[in-house]
Amino acid sequence: MSGAIRLTFEYRGQHIELVASEPVDLVIPDAPAGQQGLSIGVTTADVDGQPDVSIGYRVDMLNARGQRIHSRPLDNPIRDEAEVLSADPDRPFTHQAINQPKGRFFVLVPALAEAKEVALLRTTVRTQTIGRYQLGHGTEGGGS
């Protein structure tokens, strides 16, 4: 299979759901050798100074055995603050937290024949799987 898959996620508060996965006719360039999007954002270091954990979000494509076959880093897809006008003339804009964020985001991944599932993950100090979703190439469908 060639091309790509557009994954559509919707979120409300902490709940995130895959609402659609549909094929699109484009080619996603490969990541540089060995990177595959596995290093995201800021890294922390363990005792000996070697990189330990990557901070941020990512989407992993999994085969039928649940093994990662592709990984795509994401900028923070959840909008949890907004830029608003301020009364301070020296700082006309400020940021304000959004208490109940809601929205939609899209992720393009390569259409790999062996991909059966996608996992949305977030890493702070530990990696947390936010959800695992069956891939329904070209069909609408929810996650688990």
N, C-alpha and C. Protein backbone atom coordinates (compact mmCIF):
# COMPACT_ATOMS: atom_id res chain seq x y z
N MET A 1 0.85 -1.17 0.00
CA MET A 1 0.00 0.00 0.00
C MET A 1 0.89 1.23 0.00
N SER A 2 0.48 2.24 -0.75
CA SER A 2 1.25 3.49 -0.76
C SER A 2 0.34 4.63 -0.40
N GLY A 3 0.91 5.79 -0.24
CA GLY A 3 0.12 6.94 0.14
C GLY A 3 0.17 7.17 1.63
N ALA A 4 -0.90 7.75 2.15
CA ALA A 4 -0.94 8.12 3.55
C ALA A 4 -2.35 7.91 4.11
N ILE A 5 -2.44 8.02 5.42
CA ILE A 5 -3.72 7.95 6.12
C ILE A 5 -3.84 9.21 6.95
N ARG A 6 -4.98 9.88 6.85
CA ARG A 6 -5.26 11.03 7.69
C ARG A 6 -6.09 10.54 8.88
N LEU A 7 -5.52 10.67 10.07
CA LEU A 7 -6.20 10.30 11.30
C LEU A 7 -6.85 11.56 11.87
N THR A 8 -8.12 11.47 12.22
CA THR A 8 -8.84 12.60 12.81
C THR A 8 -9.18 12.26 14.24
N PHE A 9 -8.64 13.03 15.17
CA PHE A 9 -8.90 12.85 16.60
C PHE A 9 -9.76 14.01 17.09
N GLU A 10 -10.67 13.70 18.01
CA GLU A 10 -11.43 14.74 18.69
C GLU A 10 -11.17 14.61 20.18
N TYR A 11 -11.13 15.74 20.87
CA TYR A 11 -10.91 15.72 22.31
C TYR A 11 -11.89 16.64 23.02
N ARG A 12 -12.24 16.25 24.21
CA ARG A 12 -13.07 17.04 25.12
C ARG A 12 -12.52 16.78 26.51
N GLY A 13 -11.90 17.80 27.11
CA GLY A 13 -11.22 17.61 28.38
C GLY A 13 -10.07 16.62 28.19
N GLN A 14 -10.03 15.58 29.01
CA GLN A 14 -8.98 14.56 28.92
C GLN A 14 -9.35 13.40 27.99
N HIS A 15 -10.58 13.35 27.50
CA HIS A 15 -11.04 12.27 26.64
C HIS A 15 -10.65 12.55 25.19
N ILE A 16 -9.93 11.62 24.58
CA ILE A 16 -9.52 11.75 23.18
C ILE A 16 -10.00 10.52 22.43
N GLU A 17 -10.56 10.73 21.25
CA GLU A 17 -11.09 9.62 20.45
C GLU A 17 -10.66 9.77 19.00
N LEU A 18 -10.32 8.64 18.38
CA LEU A 18 -10.07 8.62 16.94
C LEU A 18 -11.43 8.50 16.27
N VAL A 19 -11.83 9.52 15.51
CA VAL A 19 -13.16 9.52 14.91
C VAL A 19 -13.14 9.15 13.43
N ALA A 20 -11.98 9.20 12.79
CA ALA A 20 -11.90 8.81 11.38
C ALA A 20 -10.47 8.49 11.00
N SER A 21 -10.34 7.56 10.09
CA SER A 21 -9.05 7.27 9.45
C SER A 21 -9.36 7.07 7.98
N GLU A 22 -8.77 7.92 7.14
CA GLU A 22 -9.10 7.86 5.73
C GLU A 22 -7.85 7.99 4.87
N PRO A 23 -7.81 7.21 3.78
CA PRO A 23 -6.65 7.29 2.90
C PRO A 23 -6.62 8.62 2.15
N VAL A 24 -5.42 9.13 1.96
CA VAL A 24 -5.22 10.33 1.16
C VAL A 24 -4.10 10.06 0.17
N ASP A 25 -4.19 10.70 -0.97
CA ASP A 25 -3.24 10.44 -2.04
C ASP A 25 -2.07 11.41 -1.96
N LEU A 26 -1.12 11.09 -1.08
CA LEU A 26 0.12 11.85 -0.99
C LEU A 26 1.18 10.96 -0.38
N VAL A 27 2.41 11.39 -0.53
CA VAL A 27 3.54 10.63 -0.01
C VAL A 27 4.13 11.40 1.15
N ILE A 28 4.36 10.70 2.27
CA ILE A 28 5.00 11.30 3.43
C ILE A 28 6.49 10.98 3.35
N PRO A 29 7.36 12.01 3.35
CA PRO A 29 8.80 11.73 3.27
C PRO A 29 9.28 10.94 4.49
N ASP A 30 10.29 10.11 4.28
CA ASP A 30 10.88 9.36 5.37
C ASP A 30 11.64 10.28 6.31
N ALA A 31 11.70 9.88 7.57
CA ALA A 31 12.51 10.60 8.56
C ALA A 31 13.97 10.23 8.31
N PRO A 32 14.91 11.05 8.78
CA PRO A 32 16.32 10.70 8.66
C PRO A 32 16.58 9.33 9.30
N ALA A 33 17.58 8.64 8.80
CA ALA A 33 17.89 7.29 9.27
C ALA A 33 17.93 7.20 10.78
N GLY A 34 17.19 6.24 11.32
CA GLY A 34 17.22 5.98 12.74
C GLY A 34 16.33 6.89 13.58
N GLN A 35 15.75 7.93 13.00
CA GLN A 35 14.95 8.85 13.82
C GLN A 35 13.50 8.45 13.92
N GLN A 36 12.83 8.19 12.81
CA GLN A 36 11.43 7.77 12.78
C GLN A 36 10.55 8.54 13.75
N GLY A 37 10.94 9.73 14.12
CA GLY A 37 10.11 10.53 15.01
C GLY A 37 10.12 10.08 16.45
N LEU A 38 11.12 9.32 16.86
CA LEU A 38 11.12 8.80 18.21
C LEU A 38 11.62 9.80 19.24
N SER A 39 12.32 10.82 18.81
CA SER A 39 12.79 11.84 19.74
C SER A 39 11.92 13.07 19.58
N ILE A 40 11.20 13.41 20.64
CA ILE A 40 10.21 14.47 20.55
C ILE A 40 10.50 15.52 21.60
N GLY A 41 10.52 16.76 21.19
CA GLY A 41 10.60 17.85 22.15
C GLY A 41 11.84 17.80 23.02
N VAL A 42 11.64 18.05 24.30
CA VAL A 42 12.72 18.15 25.28
C VAL A 42 13.04 16.75 25.80
N THR A 43 14.32 16.47 26.03
CA THR A 43 14.68 15.18 26.62
C THR A 43 15.18 15.39 28.03
N THR A 44 14.95 14.38 28.86
CA THR A 44 15.53 14.39 30.20
C THR A 44 16.73 13.46 30.14
N ALA A 45 17.58 13.49 31.14
CA ALA A 45 18.76 12.64 31.14
C ALA A 45 18.74 11.75 32.36
N ASP A 46 19.25 10.53 32.18
CA ASP A 46 19.34 9.65 33.35
C ASP A 46 20.66 9.91 34.07
N VAL A 47 21.02 9.05 35.00
CA VAL A 47 22.18 9.29 35.87
C VAL A 47 23.48 9.47 35.10
N ASP A 48 23.70 8.67 34.05
CA ASP A 48 24.99 8.77 33.35
C ASP A 48 24.98 9.83 32.24
N GLY A 49 23.91 10.66 32.19
CA GLY A 49 23.91 11.75 31.23
C GLY A 49 23.39 11.38 29.86
N GLN A 50 23.00 10.14 29.64
CA GLN A 50 22.46 9.72 28.35
C GLN A 50 20.98 10.07 28.27
N PRO A 51 20.48 10.43 27.08
CA PRO A 51 19.05 10.73 26.95
C PRO A 51 18.23 9.56 27.44
N ASP A 52 17.19 9.87 28.17
CA ASP A 52 16.37 8.83 28.79
C ASP A 52 14.94 8.86 28.27
N VAL A 53 14.26 9.99 28.40
CA VAL A 53 12.85 10.08 28.06
C VAL A 53 12.64 11.30 27.17
N SER A 54 11.85 11.15 26.12
CA SER A 54 11.47 12.28 25.28
C SER A 54 10.13 12.81 25.76
N ILE A 55 10.04 14.11 25.93
CA ILE A 55 8.83 14.75 26.43
C ILE A 55 7.96 15.15 25.24
N GLY A 56 6.68 14.81 25.29
CA GLY A 56 5.76 15.24 24.24
C GLY A 56 4.76 14.17 23.87
N TYR A 57 4.12 14.38 22.73
CA TYR A 57 3.12 13.46 22.21
C TYR A 57 3.67 12.75 20.98
N ARG A 58 3.12 11.57 20.71
CA ARG A 58 3.45 10.88 19.47
C ARG A 58 2.32 9.91 19.12
N VAL A 59 2.27 9.53 17.85
CA VAL A 59 1.37 8.50 17.37
C VAL A 59 2.24 7.36 16.88
N ASP A 60 2.00 6.16 17.42
CA ASP A 60 2.70 4.96 16.98
C ASP A 60 1.76 4.12 16.14
N MET A 61 2.29 3.60 15.04
CA MET A 61 1.53 2.63 14.24
C MET A 61 2.01 1.25 14.68
N LEU A 62 1.06 0.36 14.91
CA LEU A 62 1.35 -0.96 15.44
C LEU A 62 0.91 -2.04 14.47
N ASN A 63 1.67 -3.14 14.44
CA ASN A 63 1.28 -4.27 13.61
C ASN A 63 0.31 -5.17 14.38
N ALA A 64 -0.06 -6.30 13.82
CA ALA A 64 -1.03 -7.20 14.45
C ALA A 64 -0.54 -7.74 15.79
N ARG A 65 0.77 -7.78 16.01
CA ARG A 65 1.32 -8.26 17.28
C ARG A 65 1.50 -7.13 18.31
N GLY A 66 1.06 -5.92 17.95
CA GLY A 66 1.18 -4.79 18.86
C GLY A 66 2.56 -4.15 18.87
N GLN A 67 3.41 -4.51 17.91
CA GLN A 67 4.76 -3.96 17.83
C GLN A 67 4.76 -2.66 17.03
N ARG A 68 5.52 -1.67 17.50
CA ARG A 68 5.62 -0.38 16.82
C ARG A 68 6.37 -0.57 15.50
N ILE A 69 5.74 -0.10 14.42
CA ILE A 69 6.39 -0.16 13.10
C ILE A 69 6.66 1.23 12.54
N HIS A 70 6.05 2.24 13.13
CA HIS A 70 6.30 3.62 12.73
C HIS A 70 5.89 4.52 13.87
N SER A 71 6.57 5.64 14.03
CA SER A 71 6.25 6.58 15.09
C SER A 71 6.29 7.99 14.52
N ARG A 72 5.32 8.79 14.88
CA ARG A 72 5.22 10.16 14.38
C ARG A 72 5.13 11.13 15.55
N PRO A 73 6.10 12.05 15.72
CA PRO A 73 6.02 13.03 16.81
C PRO A 73 4.95 14.07 16.52
N LEU A 74 4.40 14.63 17.57
CA LEU A 74 3.38 15.67 17.43
C LEU A 74 3.74 16.87 18.29
N ASP A 75 3.49 18.06 17.78
CA ASP A 75 3.47 19.22 18.66
C ASP A 75 2.26 19.02 19.55
N ASN A 76 2.21 19.68 20.68
CA ASN A 76 1.09 19.48 21.59
C ASN A 76 -0.23 19.67 20.83
N PRO A 77 -0.99 18.57 20.62
CA PRO A 77 -2.21 18.69 19.83
C PRO A 77 -3.40 19.21 20.62
N ILE A 78 -3.28 19.27 21.95
CA ILE A 78 -4.38 19.71 22.80
C ILE A 78 -4.20 21.18 23.13
N ARG A 79 -5.12 21.99 22.70
CA ARG A 79 -5.03 23.42 22.98
C ARG A 79 -5.58 23.67 24.37
N ASP A 80 -4.70 23.92 25.33
CA ASP A 80 -5.13 24.07 26.72
C ASP A 80 -4.97 25.50 27.24
N GLU A 81 -4.60 26.42 26.34
CA GLU A 81 -4.58 27.83 26.70
C GLU A 81 -4.83 28.67 25.46
N ALA A 82 -5.32 29.88 25.70
CA ALA A 82 -5.64 30.78 24.59
C ALA A 82 -4.97 32.13 24.83
N GLU A 83 -4.64 32.80 23.75
CA GLU A 83 -4.11 34.16 23.85
C GLU A 83 -5.30 35.12 23.92
N VAL A 84 -5.31 35.96 24.93
CA VAL A 84 -6.42 36.90 25.13
C VAL A 84 -5.88 38.31 25.33
N LEU A 85 -6.76 39.29 25.12
CA LEU A 85 -6.38 40.70 25.33
C LEU A 85 -6.18 40.96 26.82
N SER A 86 -5.21 41.80 27.11
CA SER A 86 -4.89 42.17 28.48
C SER A 86 -5.20 43.65 28.69
N ALA A 87 -5.47 44.04 29.93
CA ALA A 87 -5.69 45.45 30.26
C ALA A 87 -4.37 46.21 30.39
N ASP A 88 -3.27 45.48 30.44
CA ASP A 88 -1.94 46.08 30.61
C ASP A 88 -1.44 46.61 29.26
N PRO A 89 -1.26 47.93 29.09
CA PRO A 89 -0.82 48.47 27.80
C PRO A 89 0.60 48.02 27.42
N ASP A 90 1.43 47.65 28.40
CA ASP A 90 2.77 47.18 28.09
C ASP A 90 2.76 45.73 27.59
N ARG A 91 1.73 45.00 27.95
CA ARG A 91 1.58 43.61 27.51
C ARG A 91 0.14 43.42 27.03
N PRO A 92 -0.13 43.81 25.76
CA PRO A 92 -1.52 43.82 25.30
C PRO A 92 -2.16 42.42 25.21
N PHE A 93 -1.34 41.38 25.20
CA PHE A 93 -1.87 40.03 25.13
C PHE A 93 -1.30 39.19 26.27
N THR A 94 -2.07 38.26 26.73
CA THR A 94 -1.63 37.31 27.76
C THR A 94 -2.23 35.95 27.44
N HIS A 95 -1.80 34.94 28.17
CA HIS A 95 -2.34 33.59 27.98
C HIS A 95 -3.25 33.23 29.14
N GLN A 96 -4.34 32.56 28.80
CA GLN A 96 -5.31 32.14 29.80
C GLN A 96 -5.60 30.66 29.60
N ALA A 97 -5.62 29.91 30.70
CA ALA A 97 -5.90 28.47 30.63
C ALA A 97 -7.33 28.23 30.16
N ILE A 98 -7.51 27.17 29.36
CA ILE A 98 -8.83 26.72 28.95
C ILE A 98 -9.18 25.56 29.87
N ASN A 99 -10.20 25.73 30.69
CA ASN A 99 -10.55 24.72 31.70
C ASN A 99 -11.03 23.40 31.09
N GLN A 100 -11.87 23.45 30.10
CA GLN A 100 -12.40 22.26 29.45
C GLN A 100 -12.07 22.32 27.96
N PRO A 101 -10.82 22.00 27.60
CA PRO A 101 -10.46 22.12 26.18
C PRO A 101 -11.26 21.14 25.33
N LYS A 102 -11.60 21.56 24.14
CA LYS A 102 -12.25 20.68 23.18
C LYS A 102 -11.81 21.08 21.79
N GLY A 103 -11.73 20.11 20.93
CA GLY A 103 -11.31 20.40 19.58
C GLY A 103 -11.04 19.15 18.78
N ARG A 104 -10.34 19.35 17.70
CA ARG A 104 -10.04 18.28 16.75
C ARG A 104 -8.62 18.50 16.23
N PHE A 105 -7.90 17.41 15.99
CA PHE A 105 -6.60 17.53 15.34
C PHE A 105 -6.42 16.37 14.37
N PHE A 106 -5.53 16.58 13.42
CA PHE A 106 -5.30 15.63 12.34
C PHE A 106 -3.84 15.20 12.36
N VAL A 107 -3.59 13.95 12.03
CA VAL A 107 -2.23 13.43 11.94
C VAL A 107 -2.13 12.65 10.63
N LEU A 108 -1.10 12.93 9.85
CA LEU A 108 -0.83 12.14 8.64
C LEU A 108 0.23 11.11 8.95
N VAL A 109 -0.06 9.86 8.60
CA VAL A 109 0.88 8.75 8.79
C VAL A 109 0.96 8.00 7.47
N PRO A 110 2.07 7.30 7.23
CA PRO A 110 2.16 6.51 6.00
C PRO A 110 1.17 5.35 6.03
N ALA A 111 0.64 5.01 4.88
CA ALA A 111 -0.27 3.87 4.76
C ALA A 111 0.57 2.61 4.64
N LEU A 112 0.79 1.94 5.75
CA LEU A 112 1.59 0.72 5.79
C LEU A 112 0.66 -0.49 5.85
N ALA A 113 0.86 -1.44 4.94
CA ALA A 113 -0.03 -2.60 4.87
C ALA A 113 -0.09 -3.36 6.18
N GLU A 114 1.02 -3.44 6.90
CA GLU A 114 1.05 -4.22 8.15
C GLU A 114 0.48 -3.47 9.35
N ALA A 115 0.13 -2.17 9.19
CA ALA A 115 -0.42 -1.39 10.31
C ALA A 115 -1.86 -1.79 10.58
N LYS A 116 -2.13 -2.18 11.80
CA LYS A 116 -3.47 -2.61 12.21
C LYS A 116 -4.07 -1.71 13.27
N GLU A 117 -3.23 -0.94 13.95
CA GLU A 117 -3.68 -0.16 15.07
C GLU A 117 -2.79 1.07 15.21
N VAL A 118 -3.32 2.13 15.80
CA VAL A 118 -2.50 3.28 16.15
C VAL A 118 -2.65 3.53 17.64
N ALA A 119 -1.58 4.03 18.25
CA ALA A 119 -1.61 4.38 19.66
C ALA A 119 -1.22 5.84 19.79
N LEU A 120 -1.97 6.58 20.57
CA LEU A 120 -1.65 7.96 20.88
C LEU A 120 -1.00 7.96 22.24
N LEU A 121 0.23 8.50 22.33
CA LEU A 121 0.99 8.47 23.58
C LEU A 121 1.42 9.86 23.99
N ARG A 122 1.54 10.04 25.29
CA ARG A 122 2.05 11.29 25.85
C ARG A 122 3.12 10.93 26.86
N THR A 123 4.25 11.63 26.79
CA THR A 123 5.34 11.40 27.73
C THR A 123 5.60 12.68 28.50
N THR A 124 5.56 12.56 29.82
CA THR A 124 6.01 13.65 30.68
C THR A 124 7.29 13.13 31.32
N VAL A 125 7.17 12.41 32.41
CA VAL A 125 8.32 11.71 32.98
C VAL A 125 8.22 10.24 32.57
N ARG A 126 7.00 9.75 32.48
CA ARG A 126 6.74 8.39 32.01
C ARG A 126 5.83 8.47 30.79
N THR A 127 5.91 7.46 29.96
CA THR A 127 5.04 7.42 28.79
C THR A 127 3.68 6.86 29.19
N GLN A 128 2.65 7.57 28.78
CA GLN A 128 1.27 7.17 29.06
C GLN A 128 0.57 6.95 27.73
N THR A 129 -0.04 5.77 27.56
CA THR A 129 -0.84 5.53 26.37
C THR A 129 -2.20 6.17 26.60
N ILE A 130 -2.54 7.13 25.79
CA ILE A 130 -3.81 7.82 25.90
C ILE A 130 -4.92 6.96 25.31
N GLY A 131 -4.62 6.27 24.22
CA GLY A 131 -5.61 5.40 23.59
C GLY A 131 -4.98 4.56 22.51
N ARG A 132 -5.61 3.40 22.26
CA ARG A 132 -5.23 2.56 21.13
C ARG A 132 -6.47 2.37 20.29
N TYR A 133 -6.31 2.50 18.97
CA TYR A 133 -7.46 2.54 18.06
C TYR A 133 -7.21 1.61 16.88
N GLN A 134 -8.23 0.85 16.51
CA GLN A 134 -8.14 0.00 15.33
C GLN A 134 -8.14 0.90 14.10
N LEU A 135 -7.32 0.54 13.12
CA LEU A 135 -7.30 1.29 11.87
C LEU A 135 -8.38 0.73 10.97
N GLY A 136 -9.27 1.57 10.55
CA GLY A 136 -10.30 1.18 9.58
C GLY A 136 -10.06 1.99 8.34
N HIS A 137 -9.13 1.55 7.52
CA HIS A 137 -8.72 2.31 6.33
C HIS A 137 -9.94 2.73 5.54
N GLY A 138 -10.17 4.05 5.50
CA GLY A 138 -11.26 4.58 4.70
C GLY A 138 -12.61 4.53 5.40
N THR A 139 -12.67 4.12 6.63
CA THR A 139 -13.96 4.03 7.32
C THR A 139 -13.93 4.93 8.54
N GLU A 140 -15.09 5.38 8.92
CA GLU A 140 -15.21 6.14 10.16
C GLU A 140 -15.31 5.13 11.29
N GLY A 141 -14.73 5.45 12.42
CA GLY A 141 -14.82 4.53 13.53
C GLY A 141 -14.19 5.12 14.77
N GLY A 142 -14.69 4.72 15.91
CA GLY A 142 -14.18 5.24 17.17
C GLY A 142 -13.04 4.41 17.71
N GLY A 143 -12.49 4.87 18.81
CA GLY A 143 -11.38 4.20 19.47
C GLY A 143 -11.86 3.42 20.66
N SER A 144 -10.88 2.91 21.39
CA SER A 144 -11.22 2.15 22.59
C SER A 144 -10.88 2.93 23.83
